[in-house]
């Protein structure tokens, strides 16, 4: 192992994250053969295979699972060293790794474009996943800062809210409930629902909202993709509960309806999160300050709330 390189460890870590050589190549801006070569070289240093390959399916071997733990520790330590050097030089340079829940992809890239115009020397990497996976990435020190709704209670983190995050019930534009005013929550049990998967922040917000009314929805499908859920709703397959920030385009083009459900919209908060043990680099501090200063005004301007009354769900 003494001849293993940081590049090989990075490639190995990405393949393990996605369980795909092709996807890792895309993320790392390499060709699939280059990724395969780096993994084979690392396997040569280890002396044992790290992955099992069955056609296009890739899985970690037992050795690979052990090696992944140490590879991530090494890469996290190297990142901390780079951040420390940047702090000593007081320069906004280097790589900033931002983790975000999938719902944030509807607004964060626009804010990042503005951030890059002001901080062009910072290289940015984005890691997109659901809340449960993002918490694991924070714990493993794989991201510098996370943009998420409900901050993790299982980790010692610093979570700073920067904007309101409304969630709404949605339906096909010609749905009978779309014209109703103040839909009682109890009515919802009569309709089919397509919902986000367990482990997502959106699903947690829905379940917490319904707990108070003791209503159990008729769930016909669970999906990990907001886009697929929106298409299913617009096709009339059922109702759903989504972040308002995922349906801006559909609302502007009158492709989807927000239901005036009693107690809605459910308002949570968007947070900038990092672990308390992590010393932020100048680049990370600059991004943190940027989100706290600009995030709220951008979201308020581009995603106006559909109704004046709202039920707040604590994080």
Protein backbone atom coordinates (compact mmCIF):
# COMPACT_ATOMS: atom_id res chain seq x y z
CA UNK A 1 0.00 0.00 0.00
CA UNK A 2 2.94 2.40 0.42
CA UNK A 3 2.96 3.06 -3.33
CA UNK A 4 -0.74 3.88 -3.55
CA UNK A 5 -1.46 7.44 -4.69
CA UNK A 6 -4.05 9.97 -3.56
CA UNK A 7 -5.47 9.90 -7.09
CA UNK A 8 -6.06 6.17 -6.88
CA UNK A 9 -7.79 6.60 -3.53
CA UNK A 10 -10.01 9.38 -4.91
CA UNK A 11 -11.00 7.28 -7.92
CA UNK A 12 -11.65 4.23 -5.73
CA UNK A 13 -13.79 6.33 -3.36
CA UNK A 14 -15.93 7.71 -6.21
CA UNK A 15 -16.49 4.29 -7.78
CA UNK A 16 -17.50 2.98 -4.35
CA UNK A 17 -19.87 5.92 -3.85
CA UNK A 18 -21.72 5.40 -7.13
CA UNK A 19 -21.02 1.67 -7.64
CA UNK A 20 -20.39 2.60 -11.24
CA UNK A 21 -17.14 3.10 -13.13
CA UNK A 22 -18.92 5.19 -15.79
CA UNK A 23 -20.58 7.50 -13.25
CA UNK A 24 -17.30 7.95 -11.35
CA UNK A 25 -15.59 8.86 -14.63
CA UNK A 26 -18.20 11.58 -15.25
CA UNK A 27 -17.81 13.05 -11.76
CA UNK A 28 -13.99 13.01 -11.96
CA UNK A 29 -13.88 14.22 -15.58
CA UNK A 30 -11.93 11.12 -16.62
CA UNK A 31 -12.53 8.43 -19.21
CA UNK A 32 -13.93 5.06 -18.02
CA UNK A 33 -10.70 3.27 -19.06
CA UNK A 34 -8.68 5.73 -16.96
CA UNK A 35 -10.88 5.00 -13.94
CA UNK A 36 -10.56 1.26 -14.49
CA UNK A 37 -6.77 1.58 -14.73
CA UNK A 38 -6.52 3.55 -11.46
CA UNK A 39 -8.63 0.97 -9.62
CA UNK A 40 -6.61 -1.92 -11.04
CA UNK A 41 -3.37 -0.26 -9.95
CA UNK A 42 -4.76 0.20 -6.42
CA UNK A 43 -5.91 -3.42 -6.37
CA UNK A 44 -2.36 -4.36 -7.36
CA UNK A 45 -0.98 -2.45 -4.35
CA UNK A 46 -3.55 -4.07 -2.02
CA UNK A 47 -3.02 -7.52 -3.51
CA UNK A 48 -6.72 -8.35 -3.58
CA UNK A 49 -9.75 -7.24 -5.63
CA UNK A 50 -11.73 -4.29 -4.28
CA UNK A 51 -14.80 -4.75 -6.47
CA UNK A 52 -16.87 -7.63 -7.74
CA UNK A 53 -17.96 -7.10 -11.36
CA UNK A 54 -20.94 -8.90 -12.86
CA UNK A 55 -21.65 -7.32 -16.23
CA UNK A 56 -22.53 -3.70 -15.52
CA UNK A 57 -23.19 -4.38 -11.84
CA UNK A 58 -20.44 -3.39 -9.43
CA UNK A 59 -20.23 -4.25 -5.72
CA UNK A 60 -17.54 -3.81 -3.08
CA UNK A 61 -15.76 -6.92 -1.90
CA UNK A 62 -15.23 -7.39 1.83
CA UNK A 63 -11.67 -6.12 1.35
CA UNK A 64 -13.03 -3.16 -0.59
CA UNK A 65 -15.40 -2.24 2.23
CA UNK A 66 -12.51 -2.19 4.72
CA UNK A 67 -10.26 -0.24 2.37
CA UNK A 68 -12.99 2.34 1.71
CA UNK A 69 -13.07 3.29 5.40
CA UNK A 70 -9.34 4.04 5.40
CA UNK A 71 -9.34 5.68 1.97
CA UNK A 72 -11.99 8.16 3.12
CA UNK A 73 -10.03 8.90 6.28
CA UNK A 74 -6.89 9.59 4.26
CA UNK A 75 -8.72 11.84 1.79
CA UNK A 76 -10.49 13.72 4.59
CA UNK A 77 -7.17 14.30 6.36
CA UNK A 78 -5.62 15.57 3.13
CA UNK A 79 -8.57 17.95 2.64
CA UNK A 80 -8.15 19.26 6.19
CA UNK A 81 -4.46 19.89 5.49
CA UNK A 82 -5.32 21.80 2.31
CA UNK A 83 -7.87 23.88 4.22
CA UNK A 84 -5.36 24.62 6.97
CA UNK A 85 -2.83 25.80 4.40
CA UNK A 86 -5.44 28.05 2.82
CA UNK A 87 -6.32 29.53 6.22
CA UNK A 88 -2.66 30.24 6.94
CA UNK A 89 -2.36 31.99 3.58
CA UNK A 90 -5.80 33.59 4.04
CA UNK A 91 -6.59 32.84 0.40
CA UNK A 92 -9.94 31.91 -1.11
CA UNK A 93 -8.51 29.14 -3.27
CA UNK A 94 -8.69 25.38 -3.46
CA UNK A 95 -11.62 23.00 -3.75
CA UNK A 96 -14.93 23.55 -1.97
CA UNK A 97 -17.09 20.44 -1.63
CA UNK A 98 -20.75 21.30 -1.16
CA UNK A 99 -23.30 18.64 -0.30
CA UNK A 100 -26.97 19.26 -0.97
CA UNK A 101 -30.23 17.40 -0.75
CA UNK A 102 -31.75 16.78 -4.17
CA UNK A 103 -34.49 19.37 -3.65
CA UNK A 104 -31.86 22.13 -3.48
CA UNK A 105 -30.79 21.52 -7.09
CA UNK A 106 -33.70 23.70 -8.24
CA UNK A 107 -32.11 26.86 -6.83
CA UNK A 108 -28.57 26.26 -5.59
CA UNK A 109 -26.88 26.16 -9.06
CA UNK A 110 -28.21 29.68 -9.77
CA UNK A 111 -26.75 30.96 -6.51
CA UNK A 112 -23.50 29.11 -7.16
CA UNK A 113 -23.16 30.80 -10.56
CA UNK A 114 -23.33 34.17 -8.80
CA UNK A 115 -20.90 32.99 -6.13
CA UNK A 116 -18.41 31.84 -8.78
CA UNK A 117 -18.52 35.24 -10.48
CA UNK A 118 -17.35 36.79 -7.22
CA UNK A 119 -14.94 34.01 -6.21
CA UNK A 120 -13.57 32.69 -9.47
CA UNK A 121 -10.46 31.10 -7.97
CA UNK A 122 -12.46 28.55 -5.98
CA UNK A 123 -13.10 25.14 -7.53
CA UNK A 124 -16.51 23.77 -6.55
CA UNK A 125 -17.64 20.15 -6.35
CA UNK A 126 -21.28 19.27 -5.73
CA UNK A 127 -22.52 16.10 -4.05
CA UNK A 128 -26.27 15.51 -4.43
CA UNK A 129 -28.18 12.94 -2.37
CA UNK A 130 -31.14 12.59 -0.06
CA UNK A 131 -30.97 13.75 3.55
CA UNK A 132 -30.03 10.39 5.04
CA UNK A 133 -27.07 9.96 2.69
CA UNK A 134 -25.98 13.57 3.16
CA UNK A 135 -25.81 13.10 6.93
CA UNK A 136 -23.46 10.15 6.36
CA UNK A 137 -21.28 12.32 4.11
CA UNK A 138 -21.09 15.02 6.80
CA UNK A 139 -20.12 12.39 9.36
CA UNK A 140 -17.39 11.02 7.06
CA UNK A 141 -16.06 14.54 6.40
CA UNK A 142 -16.71 14.10 2.68
CA UNK A 143 -18.30 17.54 2.30
CA UNK A 144 -17.25 20.93 3.66
CA UNK A 145 -20.74 22.41 3.91
CA UNK A 146 -24.21 20.99 3.36
CA UNK A 147 -27.38 22.72 2.17
CA UNK A 148 -30.31 20.89 3.70
CA UNK A 149 -33.60 21.30 5.49
CA UNK A 150 -33.75 19.43 8.80
CA UNK A 151 -30.24 19.43 10.35
CA UNK A 152 -29.03 16.15 11.82
CA UNK A 153 -29.54 15.55 15.53
CA UNK A 154 -27.20 12.57 15.52
CA UNK A 155 -24.17 14.77 14.74
CA UNK A 156 -22.66 17.78 16.47
CA UNK A 157 -23.25 20.38 13.77
CA UNK A 158 -23.61 24.10 13.33
CA UNK A 159 -26.84 24.73 11.40
CA UNK A 160 -27.73 28.26 10.33
CA UNK A 161 -31.11 28.92 8.66
CA UNK A 162 -30.92 31.19 5.63
CA UNK A 163 -34.41 31.01 4.08
CA UNK A 164 -37.94 29.68 4.50
CA UNK A 165 -38.65 26.34 2.83
CA UNK A 166 -42.38 25.84 2.10
CA UNK A 167 -43.81 22.43 1.22
CA UNK A 168 -47.18 22.12 -0.55
CA UNK A 169 -49.70 19.55 -1.69
CA UNK A 170 -49.94 19.41 -5.49
CA UNK A 171 -52.32 17.98 -8.05
CA UNK A 172 -53.11 17.89 -11.75
CA UNK A 173 -54.43 21.27 -12.94
CA UNK A 174 -57.99 20.00 -13.53
CA UNK A 175 -58.21 18.02 -10.29
CA UNK A 176 -61.45 18.63 -8.29
CA UNK A 177 -59.47 19.75 -5.22
CA UNK A 178 -57.58 22.36 -7.25
CA UNK A 179 -60.62 24.68 -7.17
CA UNK A 180 -61.51 24.03 -3.53
CA UNK A 181 -60.76 26.52 -0.78
CA UNK A 182 -59.31 25.32 2.52
CA UNK A 183 -59.27 21.58 1.82
CA UNK A 184 -59.58 19.70 5.15
CA UNK A 185 -56.65 17.39 5.76
CA UNK A 186 -59.06 14.47 6.27
CA UNK A 187 -60.18 14.73 2.61
CA UNK A 188 -56.70 13.74 1.46
CA UNK A 189 -57.14 10.14 2.59
CA UNK A 190 -59.62 9.62 -0.25
CA UNK A 191 -56.98 10.14 -2.99
CA UNK A 192 -53.94 8.26 -4.29
CA UNK A 193 -50.55 9.73 -3.40
CA UNK A 194 -47.08 9.53 -4.96
CA UNK A 195 -44.50 10.43 -2.31
CA UNK A 196 -40.75 10.78 -1.78
CA UNK A 197 -38.79 7.87 -0.37
CA UNK A 198 -38.07 7.18 3.29
CA UNK A 199 -34.93 9.02 4.36
CA UNK A 200 -35.77 12.19 2.42
CA UNK A 201 -36.48 15.46 4.20
CA UNK A 202 -39.68 15.94 2.19
CA UNK A 203 -41.07 12.60 3.39
CA UNK A 204 -40.19 13.45 7.00
CA UNK A 205 -41.99 16.82 6.72
CA UNK A 206 -45.10 15.14 5.29
CA UNK A 207 -45.24 12.53 8.04
CA UNK A 208 -44.76 15.12 10.76
CA UNK A 209 -47.52 17.30 9.30
CA UNK A 210 -49.98 14.38 9.12
CA UNK A 211 -49.18 13.15 12.65
CA UNK A 212 -51.12 16.02 14.20
CA UNK A 213 -54.30 15.13 12.26
CA UNK A 214 -53.89 11.34 12.54
CA UNK A 215 -54.43 10.97 8.80
CA UNK A 216 -52.96 8.04 6.86
CA UNK A 217 -52.55 8.64 3.14
CA UNK A 218 -53.23 6.08 0.41
CA UNK A 219 -49.68 5.82 -0.95
CA UNK A 220 -49.52 4.04 -4.30
CA UNK A 221 -45.88 4.84 -5.15
CA UNK A 222 -42.64 5.98 -3.54
CA UNK A 223 -40.02 7.70 -5.69
CA UNK A 224 -36.60 9.23 -5.09
CA UNK A 225 -36.99 11.73 -7.95
CA UNK A 226 -38.91 15.00 -7.67
CA UNK A 227 -38.99 15.18 -11.47
CA UNK A 228 -40.65 11.79 -11.83
CA UNK A 229 -43.17 12.63 -9.13
CA UNK A 230 -44.09 15.88 -10.90
CA UNK A 231 -44.62 14.06 -14.19
CA UNK A 232 -46.82 11.47 -12.46
CA UNK A 233 -48.92 14.20 -10.81
CA UNK A 234 -49.33 16.12 -14.08
CA UNK A 235 -50.44 12.88 -15.76
CA UNK A 236 -53.20 12.49 -13.17
CA UNK A 237 -51.77 9.45 -11.39
CA UNK A 238 -52.26 10.99 -7.96
CA UNK A 239 -51.53 13.84 -5.56
CA UNK A 240 -48.19 14.57 -3.94
CA UNK A 241 -46.41 16.68 -1.35
CA UNK A 242 -43.37 18.57 -2.61
CA UNK A 243 -41.09 21.46 -1.83
CA UNK A 244 -42.39 24.66 -3.39
CA UNK A 245 -38.87 25.20 -4.68
CA UNK A 246 -39.15 22.17 -6.97
CA UNK A 247 -42.22 23.35 -8.92
CA UNK A 248 -41.41 26.93 -9.93
CA UNK A 249 -41.32 26.15 -13.66
CA UNK A 250 -44.55 24.15 -13.55
CA UNK A 251 -46.40 26.87 -11.64
CA UNK A 252 -45.26 29.60 -14.03
CA UNK A 253 -46.51 27.55 -16.97
CA UNK A 254 -49.71 26.41 -15.19
CA UNK A 255 -48.79 22.75 -15.52
CA UNK A 256 -49.48 21.83 -11.90
CA UNK A 257 -51.78 23.10 -9.14
CA UNK A 258 -51.03 23.83 -5.50
CA UNK A 259 -53.86 22.70 -3.23
CA UNK A 260 -55.13 25.04 -0.52
CA UNK A 261 -54.89 22.40 2.20
CA UNK A 262 -55.86 23.51 5.67
CA UNK A 263 -52.72 24.32 7.64
CA UNK A 264 -50.56 24.55 4.53
CA UNK A 265 -48.11 25.31 3.21
CA UNK A 266 -45.81 23.51 5.64
CA UNK A 267 -42.89 25.83 6.24
CA UNK A 268 -39.51 24.57 7.31
CA UNK A 269 -36.13 26.24 6.88
CA UNK A 270 -33.16 25.86 4.58
CA UNK A 271 -29.92 25.55 6.54
CA UNK A 272 -26.20 25.90 5.92
CA UNK A 273 -24.70 23.01 7.89
CA UNK A 274 -21.21 21.87 8.82
CA UNK A 275 -19.83 19.73 11.62
CA UNK A 276 -18.65 21.61 14.70
CA UNK A 277 -15.32 19.81 14.62
CA UNK A 278 -14.51 21.10 11.14
CA UNK A 279 -12.45 24.26 10.71
CA UNK A 280 -13.79 25.90 7.61
CA UNK A 281 -11.40 27.00 4.90
CA UNK A 282 -11.58 30.61 3.65
CA UNK A 283 -13.45 29.28 0.60
CA UNK A 284 -16.03 27.53 2.79
CA UNK A 285 -16.41 30.60 5.01
CA UNK A 286 -16.96 32.77 1.94
CA UNK A 287 -19.69 30.41 0.69
CA UNK A 288 -21.33 30.22 4.11
CA UNK A 289 -21.48 34.01 4.35
CA UNK A 290 -22.77 34.26 0.78
CA UNK A 291 -25.69 31.89 1.42
CA UNK A 292 -26.66 33.62 4.66
CA UNK A 293 -26.59 37.00 2.92
CA UNK A 294 -28.14 36.17 -0.48
CA UNK A 295 -30.14 32.96 -0.15
CA UNK A 296 -33.34 34.34 1.36
CA UNK A 297 -33.81 37.20 -1.10
CA UNK A 298 -33.20 34.93 -4.11
CA UNK A 299 -35.75 32.33 -3.01
CA UNK A 300 -38.37 34.91 -2.02
CA UNK A 301 -38.06 36.60 -5.40
CA UNK A 302 -38.17 33.45 -7.51
CA UNK A 303 -40.55 31.24 -5.50
CA UNK A 304 -43.39 33.34 -4.04
CA UNK A 305 -45.58 31.53 -1.49
CA UNK A 306 -49.00 30.55 -2.93
CA UNK A 307 -51.03 31.16 0.26
CA UNK A 308 -50.70 33.55 3.16
CA UNK A 309 -51.35 31.04 5.97
CA UNK A 310 -48.86 28.36 6.79
CA UNK A 311 -48.14 25.67 9.32
CA UNK A 312 -44.56 25.66 10.54
CA UNK A 313 -42.85 22.33 11.13
CA UNK A 314 -39.81 22.61 13.36
CA UNK A 315 -36.55 21.16 12.16
